Amino acid sequence: MVRTSVGYAGGTTPEPKYHRLGDHVEVVQIDYNPLLVFQEVEAKFKTLSQLLRSTAVARLNGYVGGFGTPAELELELPTFGFSQGAEQRLREHVASY
C-alpha cells in the first residue's frame, strides 16, 4: 500500500466528527502499488481470513506509508517470508523517505 486515507461520506451533517457522525458513514481509501509486494502478500495469505488475522499487512502498510526506519525494516524482513526481489523493493521504498 502506498497510503491510506480515512474520512466520512454521504450524509447531510455539516463537518462530521468521530463522535458526531450524523447520517454519514466512515470510509477508508487504500492506494497501493501492485508491483511493490502485493502479489507476494496475496500468495502468502491464501484466504481473507488468514490476511485479517495477520499483523504483517499492517506492518507493511506502515513501512510503505513512510513510517519505520530502514534499520527497523531490516529486523522485520525475515519474518515476512518474501522473495529477495520483494525485500529489495521494500528496502528501496523505505529508503526513499
Protein backbone atom coordinates (compact mmCIF):
# COMPACT_ATOMS: atom_id res chain seq x y z
CA MET A 1 0.00 0.00 0.00
CA VAL A 2 1.19 3.47 -0.79
CA ARG A 3 -1.12 5.32 1.58
CA THR A 4 -4.43 5.14 3.37
CA SER A 5 -6.99 7.85 3.99
CA VAL A 6 -9.98 7.80 6.28
CA GLY A 7 -12.98 10.07 6.39
CA TYR A 8 -16.72 10.33 6.08
CA ALA A 9 -19.02 10.03 3.08
CA GLY A 10 -22.63 10.75 2.27
CA GLY A 11 -24.89 12.34 4.79
CA THR A 12 -26.04 15.85 5.43
CA THR A 13 -24.36 16.76 8.74
CA PRO A 14 -22.02 19.73 8.25
CA GLU A 15 -18.41 18.88 9.22
CA PRO A 16 -19.00 15.41 10.71
CA LYS A 17 -16.67 14.31 13.52
CA TYR A 18 -15.95 10.90 15.01
CA HIS A 19 -18.39 11.36 17.90
CA ARG A 20 -20.90 13.28 15.77
CA LEU A 21 -21.30 11.39 12.50
CA GLY A 22 -24.95 12.20 11.94
CA ASP A 23 -26.07 10.28 8.87
CA HIS A 24 -22.55 9.91 7.41
CA VAL A 25 -20.61 6.66 7.20
CA GLU A 26 -16.92 6.14 7.86
CA VAL A 27 -14.91 5.27 4.74
CA VAL A 28 -11.37 4.09 4.03
CA GLN A 29 -9.40 4.63 0.84
CA ILE A 30 -6.41 2.38 0.19
CA ASP A 31 -3.93 3.33 -2.52
CA TYR A 32 -1.43 0.65 -3.44
CA ASN A 33 1.22 -0.14 -5.99
CA PRO A 34 0.52 -3.71 -7.06
CA LEU A 35 4.05 -4.07 -8.37
CA LEU A 36 5.58 -3.42 -4.97
CA VAL A 37 4.78 -6.57 -2.96
CA PHE A 38 1.06 -7.14 -3.37
CA GLN A 39 1.48 -10.30 -5.41
CA GLU A 40 3.60 -11.88 -2.70
CA VAL A 41 1.22 -10.80 0.05
CA GLU A 42 -1.62 -12.31 -1.95
CA ALA A 43 0.33 -15.56 -2.43
CA LYS A 44 1.28 -15.81 1.24
CA PHE A 45 -2.25 -15.33 2.56
CA LYS A 46 -4.47 -17.72 0.64
CA THR A 47 -7.71 -16.60 2.29
CA LEU A 48 -9.09 -13.30 3.50
CA SER A 49 -9.35 -14.80 6.98
CA GLN A 50 -5.60 -15.52 7.05
CA LEU A 51 -4.88 -11.99 5.87
CA LEU A 52 -7.11 -10.39 8.51
CA ARG A 53 -5.57 -12.44 11.33
CA SER A 54 -2.05 -11.39 10.35
CA THR A 55 -0.26 -8.30 11.59
CA ALA A 56 2.15 -8.47 8.65
CA VAL A 57 -0.04 -6.40 6.34
CA ALA A 58 -0.44 -3.64 8.91
CA ARG A 59 3.32 -3.58 9.49
CA LEU A 60 3.98 -3.48 5.74
CA ASN A 61 1.48 -0.67 5.36
CA GLY A 62 3.39 1.31 7.95
CA TYR A 63 6.69 0.91 6.12
CA VAL A 64 5.19 1.64 2.70
CA GLY A 65 3.44 4.69 4.17
CA GLY A 66 6.73 6.14 5.38
CA PHE A 67 6.65 5.01 8.99
CA GLY A 68 9.57 2.99 10.28
CA THR A 69 13.27 3.21 9.58
CA PRO A 70 15.43 1.14 7.26
CA ALA A 71 17.05 -0.41 10.35
CA GLU A 72 13.65 -1.45 11.73
CA LEU A 73 12.69 -2.91 8.37
CA GLU A 74 15.88 -4.99 8.25
CA LEU A 75 14.99 -6.54 11.60
CA GLU A 76 11.50 -7.45 10.41
CA LEU A 77 12.19 -8.54 6.83
CA PRO A 78 12.91 -12.19 7.68
CA THR A 79 9.53 -12.51 9.39
CA PHE A 80 7.61 -11.58 6.22
CA GLY A 81 8.89 -14.53 4.19
CA PHE A 82 9.14 -12.60 0.91
CA SER A 83 11.48 -13.18 -2.00
CA GLN A 84 14.74 -11.27 -2.27
CA GLY A 85 13.19 -9.15 -5.02
CA ALA A 86 10.26 -8.08 -2.83
CA GLU A 87 12.61 -7.41 0.07
CA GLN A 88 14.77 -5.21 -2.15
CA ARG A 89 11.74 -3.24 -3.40
CA LEU A 90 10.70 -2.65 0.21
CA ARG A 91 14.21 -1.51 1.12
CA GLU A 92 14.27 0.95 -1.79
CA HIS A 93 10.84 2.29 -0.94
CA VAL A 94 11.62 2.81 2.75
CA ALA A 95 14.97 4.41 1.91
CA SER A 96 13.21 6.94 -0.32
CA TYR A 97 11.55 8.57 2.72
